[in-house]
Amino acid sequence: MNTTDILAEPIAVKAWVEKRTVFIELADQRMISFPANRFKLLKDAPDDLLNNVELRLDGTVLRWEEIDEDISVRGILLGNFQLP
């Protein structure tokens, strides 16, 4: 792995929610997931709003419009969660 790979912004190509777990497929074919209860606004969001996740900024951010929540893919990969 070279320095360019390490510094490259992680890009999501797909995001979805199943049973209150957020799943992300990255451009490099990795799959990651996290429980919605790791973020304050997602924790209490109704299922129908939680399921409305979109990719923004060329796949670098997850966006929930109705909840007004944005979470960076890089932050998720670094483990930057709001709640334990």
C-alpha atoms as a PDB file:
ATOM      1  CA  MET A   1       0.000   0.000   0.000  1.00  0.00           C
ATOM      2  CA  ASN A   2       1.437   3.361  -0.957  1.00  0.00           C
ATOM      3  CA  THR A   3       0.912   6.812   0.540  1.00  0.00           C
ATOM      4  CA  THR A   4      -1.704   7.706  -2.070  1.00  0.00           C
ATOM      5  CA  ASP A   5      -3.835   4.725  -1.003  1.00  0.00           C
ATOM      6  CA  ILE A   6      -3.631   5.733   2.651  1.00  0.00           C
ATOM      7  CA  LEU A   7      -4.590   9.362   1.972  1.00  0.00           C
ATOM      8  CA  ALA A   8      -7.326   8.602  -0.553  1.00  0.00           C
ATOM      9  CA  GLU A   9     -10.809   9.583   0.565  1.00  0.00           C
ATOM     10  CA  PRO A  10     -12.923   6.459   1.151  1.00  0.00           C
ATOM     11  CA  ILE A  11     -15.822   6.357  -1.298  1.00  0.00           C
ATOM     12  CA  ALA A  12     -19.132   4.607  -0.695  1.00  0.00           C
ATOM     13  CA  VAL A  13     -20.952   3.203  -3.718  1.00  0.00           C
ATOM     14  CA  LYS A  14     -24.007   1.956  -1.834  1.00  0.00           C
ATOM     15  CA  ALA A  15     -25.621   2.492   1.581  1.00  0.00           C
ATOM     16  CA  TRP A  16     -28.693   0.885   3.114  1.00  0.00           C
ATOM     17  CA  VAL A  17     -30.265   0.032   6.458  1.00  0.00           C
ATOM     18  CA  GLU A  18     -31.442  -3.372   7.698  1.00  0.00           C
ATOM     19  CA  LYS A  19     -32.810  -3.944  11.202  1.00  0.00           C
ATOM     20  CA  ARG A  20     -31.393  -0.598  12.409  1.00  0.00           C
ATOM     21  CA  THR A  21     -27.900  -1.420  11.157  1.00  0.00           C
ATOM     22  CA  VAL A  22     -26.356   0.844   8.513  1.00  0.00           C
ATOM     23  CA  PHE A  23     -24.417  -0.983   5.805  1.00  0.00           C
ATOM     24  CA  ILE A  24     -21.953   0.624   3.413  1.00  0.00           C
ATOM     25  CA  GLU A  25     -20.296  -0.853   0.346  1.00  0.00           C
ATOM     26  CA  LEU A  26     -17.052   0.939  -0.503  1.00  0.00           C
ATOM     27  CA  ALA A  27     -15.563   1.471  -3.956  1.00  0.00           C
ATOM     28  CA  ASP A  28     -12.711  -0.894  -3.037  1.00  0.00           C
ATOM     29  CA  GLN A  29     -15.339  -3.630  -2.432  1.00  0.00           C
ATOM     30  CA  ARG A  30     -15.100  -3.595   1.368  1.00  0.00           C
ATOM     31  CA  MET A  31     -18.367  -3.819   3.289  1.00  0.00           C
ATOM     32  CA  ILE A  32     -18.726  -2.082   6.639  1.00  0.00           C
ATOM     33  CA  SER A  33     -21.635  -1.642   9.018  1.00  0.00           C
ATOM     34  CA  PHE A  34     -22.529  -0.002  12.294  1.00  0.00           C
ATOM     35  CA  PRO A  35     -25.595   0.049  14.557  1.00  0.00           C
ATOM     36  CA  ALA A  36     -27.699   3.198  14.187  1.00  0.00           C
ATOM     37  CA  ASN A  37     -27.669   3.630  17.972  1.00  0.00           C
ATOM     38  CA  ARG A  38     -24.020   4.793  17.770  1.00  0.00           C
ATOM     39  CA  PHE A  39     -25.275   8.258  16.675  1.00  0.00           C
ATOM     40  CA  LYS A  40     -27.618  10.490  18.686  1.00  0.00           C
ATOM     41  CA  LEU A  41     -30.006  11.476  15.893  1.00  0.00           C
ATOM     42  CA  LEU A  42     -30.119   8.025  14.311  1.00  0.00           C
ATOM     43  CA  LYS A  43     -30.693   6.261  17.639  1.00  0.00           C
ATOM     44  CA  ASP A  44     -34.190   7.674  18.111  1.00  0.00           C
ATOM     45  CA  ALA A  45     -35.161   8.007  14.443  1.00  0.00           C
ATOM     46  CA  PRO A  46     -38.225   6.055  13.304  1.00  0.00           C
ATOM     47  CA  ASP A  47     -37.423   3.148  10.986  1.00  0.00           C
ATOM     48  CA  ASP A  48     -39.020   4.768   7.935  1.00  0.00           C
ATOM     49  CA  LEU A  49     -36.753   7.828   8.260  1.00  0.00           C
ATOM     50  CA  LEU A  50     -33.671   5.810   9.169  1.00  0.00           C
ATOM     51  CA  ASN A  51     -34.095   3.745   6.011  1.00  0.00           C
ATOM     52  CA  ASN A  52     -33.901   6.902   3.845  1.00  0.00           C
ATOM     53  CA  VAL A  53     -30.108   7.115   3.730  1.00  0.00           C
ATOM     54  CA  GLU A  54     -28.495   8.686   0.663  1.00  0.00           C
ATOM     55  CA  LEU A  55     -24.932   9.065  -0.546  1.00  0.00           C
ATOM     56  CA  ARG A  56     -23.737  12.649  -1.015  1.00  0.00           C
ATOM     57  CA  LEU A  57     -20.555  14.470  -2.021  1.00  0.00           C
ATOM     58  CA  ASP A  58     -19.460  11.779  -4.473  1.00  0.00           C
ATOM     59  CA  GLY A  59     -19.960   8.988  -1.922  1.00  0.00           C
ATOM     60  CA  THR A  60     -17.938  10.515   0.912  1.00  0.00           C
ATOM     61  CA  VAL A  61     -20.934  11.317   3.142  1.00  0.00           C
ATOM     62  CA  LEU A  62     -24.084   9.514   4.268  1.00  0.00           C
ATOM     63  CA  ARG A  63     -27.099  11.834   4.453  1.00  0.00           C
ATOM     64  CA  TRP A  64     -30.468  11.465   6.160  1.00  0.00           C
ATOM     65  CA  GLU A  65     -32.434  14.470   4.873  1.00  0.00           C
ATOM     66  CA  GLU A  66     -35.508  14.140   7.127  1.00  0.00           C
ATOM     67  CA  ILE A  67     -33.356  13.565  10.214  1.00  0.00           C
ATOM     68  CA  ASP A  68     -30.874  16.316   9.189  1.00  0.00           C
ATOM     69  CA  GLU A  69     -27.862  14.065   9.815  1.00  0.00           C
ATOM     70  CA  ASP A  70     -24.629  13.822   7.831  1.00  0.00           C
ATOM     71  CA  ILE A  71     -21.920  11.279   8.643  1.00  0.00           C
ATOM     72  CA  SER A  72     -18.626  11.026   6.783  1.00  0.00           C
ATOM     73  CA  VAL A  73     -17.498   7.660   5.496  1.00  0.00           C
ATOM     74  CA  ARG A  74     -13.967   8.459   6.703  1.00  0.00           C
ATOM     75  CA  GLY A  75     -15.300   9.145  10.212  1.00  0.00           C
ATOM     76  CA  ILE A  76     -17.059   5.793  10.284  1.00  0.00           C
ATOM     77  CA  LEU A  77     -13.889   4.008   9.162  1.00  0.00           C
ATOM     78  CA  LEU A  78     -11.931   5.820  11.888  1.00  0.00           C
ATOM     79  CA  GLY A  79     -14.498   4.784  14.514  1.00  0.00           C
ATOM     80  CA  ASN A  80     -15.698   8.324  15.237  1.00  0.00           C
ATOM     81  CA  PHE A  81     -19.037   7.423  16.801  1.00  0.00           C
ATOM     82  CA  GLN A  82     -20.995   9.734  19.125  1.00  0.00           C
ATOM     83  CA  LEU A  83     -22.205   7.001  21.472  1.00  0.00           C
ATOM     84  CA  PRO A  84     -20.575   3.840  22.836  1.00  0.00           C
END
